[in-house]
C-alpha atoms as a PDB file:
ATOM      1  CA  MET A   1       0.024  -0.050   0.001  1.00  0.00           C
ATOM      2  CA  THR A   2       1.358   3.439  -0.937  1.00  0.00           C
ATOM      3  CA  GLU A   3       1.492   6.231   1.587  1.00  0.00           C
ATOM      4  CA  ARG A   4      -1.121   8.950   1.266  1.00  0.00           C
ATOM      5  CA  ILE A   5      -0.077  12.374   0.039  1.00  0.00           C
ATOM      6  CA  ASN A   6       0.219  15.030   2.710  1.00  0.00           C
ATOM      7  CA  TYR A   7      -1.412  17.828   0.911  1.00  0.00           C
ATOM      8  CA  MET A   8      -0.673  20.331   3.597  1.00  0.00           C
ATOM      9  CA  LYS A   9       3.122  19.539   3.298  1.00  0.00           C
ATOM     10  CA  GLU A  10       3.239  19.122  -0.492  1.00  0.00           C
ATOM     11  CA  SER A  11       1.197  22.130  -1.465  1.00  0.00           C
ATOM     12  CA  PRO A  12       0.546  24.470   1.376  1.00  0.00           C
ATOM     13  CA  GLU A  13      -0.799  27.211  -0.896  1.00  0.00           C
ATOM     14  CA  PHE A  14      -3.396  24.829  -2.435  1.00  0.00           C
ATOM     15  CA  PHE A  15      -4.370  23.579   1.036  1.00  0.00           C
ATOM     16  CA  LYS A  16      -4.838  27.240   2.154  1.00  0.00           C
ATOM     17  CA  LYS A  17      -7.100  27.977  -0.775  1.00  0.00           C
ATOM     18  CA  ILE A  18      -9.183  24.872  -0.043  1.00  0.00           C
ATOM     19  CA  MET A  19      -9.469  26.060   3.611  1.00  0.00           C
ATOM     20  CA  GLU A  20     -10.464  29.460   2.521  1.00  0.00           C
ATOM     21  CA  LEU A  21     -13.153  27.985   0.216  1.00  0.00           C
ATOM     22  CA  SER A  22     -14.497  25.846   3.077  1.00  0.00           C
ATOM     23  CA  MET A  23     -14.794  28.966   5.265  1.00  0.00           C
ATOM     24  CA  GLN A  24     -16.724  30.835   2.626  1.00  0.00           C
ATOM     25  CA  GLU A  25     -19.074  27.827   2.109  1.00  0.00           C
ATOM     26  CA  LYS A  26     -19.832  27.896   5.798  1.00  0.00           C
ATOM     27  CA  LYS A  27     -20.872  31.645   5.514  1.00  0.00           C
ATOM     28  CA  SER A  28     -23.104  30.904   2.514  1.00  0.00           C
ATOM     29  CA  SER A  29     -26.818  30.355   2.577  1.00  0.00           C
ATOM     30  CA  ILE A  30     -26.398  26.864   1.177  1.00  0.00           C
ATOM     31  CA  GLU A  31     -27.711  24.222   3.537  1.00  0.00           C
ATOM     32  CA  GLU A  32     -25.044  22.008   5.168  1.00  0.00           C
ATOM     33  CA  SER A  33     -26.668  18.749   3.880  1.00  0.00           C
ATOM     34  CA  THR A  34     -26.375  20.105   0.221  1.00  0.00           C
ATOM     35  CA  LEU A  35     -22.625  21.088   0.787  1.00  0.00           C
ATOM     36  CA  GLN A  36     -21.958  17.624   2.155  1.00  0.00           C
ATOM     37  CA  LEU A  37     -23.603  15.953  -0.864  1.00  0.00           C
ATOM     38  CA  VAL A  38     -21.579  18.227  -3.226  1.00  0.00           C
ATOM     39  CA  HIS A  39     -18.406  17.278  -1.368  1.00  0.00           C
ATOM     40  CA  ILE A  40     -19.257  13.553  -1.593  1.00  0.00           C
ATOM     41  CA  LYS A  41     -19.918  13.813  -5.410  1.00  0.00           C
ATOM     42  CA  ALA A  42     -16.711  15.810  -5.987  1.00  0.00           C
ATOM     43  CA  SER A  43     -14.797  13.133  -4.107  1.00  0.00           C
ATOM     44  CA  GLN A  44     -16.349  10.406  -6.134  1.00  0.00           C
ATOM     45  CA  MET A  45     -15.574  12.220  -9.473  1.00  0.00           C
ATOM     46  CA  ASN A  46     -11.964  12.782  -8.274  1.00  0.00           C
ATOM     47  CA  GLY A  47     -11.575   9.193  -7.218  1.00  0.00           C
ATOM     48  CA  CYS A  48     -10.208  10.189  -3.882  1.00  0.00           C
ATOM     49  CA  GLY A  49     -11.120   7.480  -1.404  1.00  0.00           C
ATOM     50  CA  PHE A  50      -9.699   9.470   1.490  1.00  0.00           C
ATOM     51  CA  CYS A  51     -11.816  12.464   0.852  1.00  0.00           C
ATOM     52  CA  LEU A  52     -14.872  10.349   0.065  1.00  0.00           C
ATOM     53  CA  ASP A  53     -14.540   8.533   3.396  1.00  0.00           C
ATOM     54  CA  MET A  54     -14.049  11.798   5.253  1.00  0.00           C
ATOM     55  CA  HIS A  55     -17.088  13.521   3.598  1.00  0.00           C
ATOM     56  CA  LEU A  56     -19.304  10.506   4.098  1.00  0.00           C
ATOM     57  CA  LYS A  57     -18.484  10.526   7.828  1.00  0.00           C
ATOM     58  CA  GLU A  58     -19.098  14.321   8.131  1.00  0.00           C
ATOM     59  CA  ALA A  59     -22.480  13.908   6.219  1.00  0.00           C
ATOM     60  CA  LYS A  60     -23.531  11.213   8.628  1.00  0.00           C
ATOM     61  CA  ILE A  61     -22.645  13.481  11.519  1.00  0.00           C
ATOM     62  CA  HIS A  62     -24.717  16.220  10.103  1.00  0.00           C
ATOM     63  CA  GLY A  63     -27.677  13.831   9.609  1.00  0.00           C
ATOM     64  CA  CYS A  64     -27.690  13.756   5.784  1.00  0.00           C
ATOM     65  CA  PHE A  65     -28.861  10.219   5.591  1.00  0.00           C
ATOM     66  CA  GLN A  66     -31.649  10.106   8.073  1.00  0.00           C
ATOM     67  CA  ASN A  67     -34.239  10.638   5.425  1.00  0.00           C
ATOM     68  CA  GLY A  68     -32.998   7.496   3.513  1.00  0.00           C
ATOM     69  CA  THR A  69     -30.782   9.314   0.973  1.00  0.00           C
ATOM     70  CA  ARG A  70     -28.494   6.779  -0.746  1.00  0.00           C
ATOM     71  CA  ILE A  71     -25.296   7.552  -2.388  1.00  0.00           C
ATOM     72  CA  SER A  72     -24.380   5.665  -5.531  1.00  0.00           C
END
């Protein structure tokens, strides 16, 4: 198994921009559940298992799947 990339170490400017985007999302009027579903879909499209796992866990914490929503 290969070691995961440490994005903060490898590309601090990119990581900083991602964090800035995340902060702006939290200030927006978009519902948290919608943001989580967008993050999940983006992770699926990017093929990033680490991010997908992280965003699925966050979505569960925020109750995104209580209404029977399924991710395919």
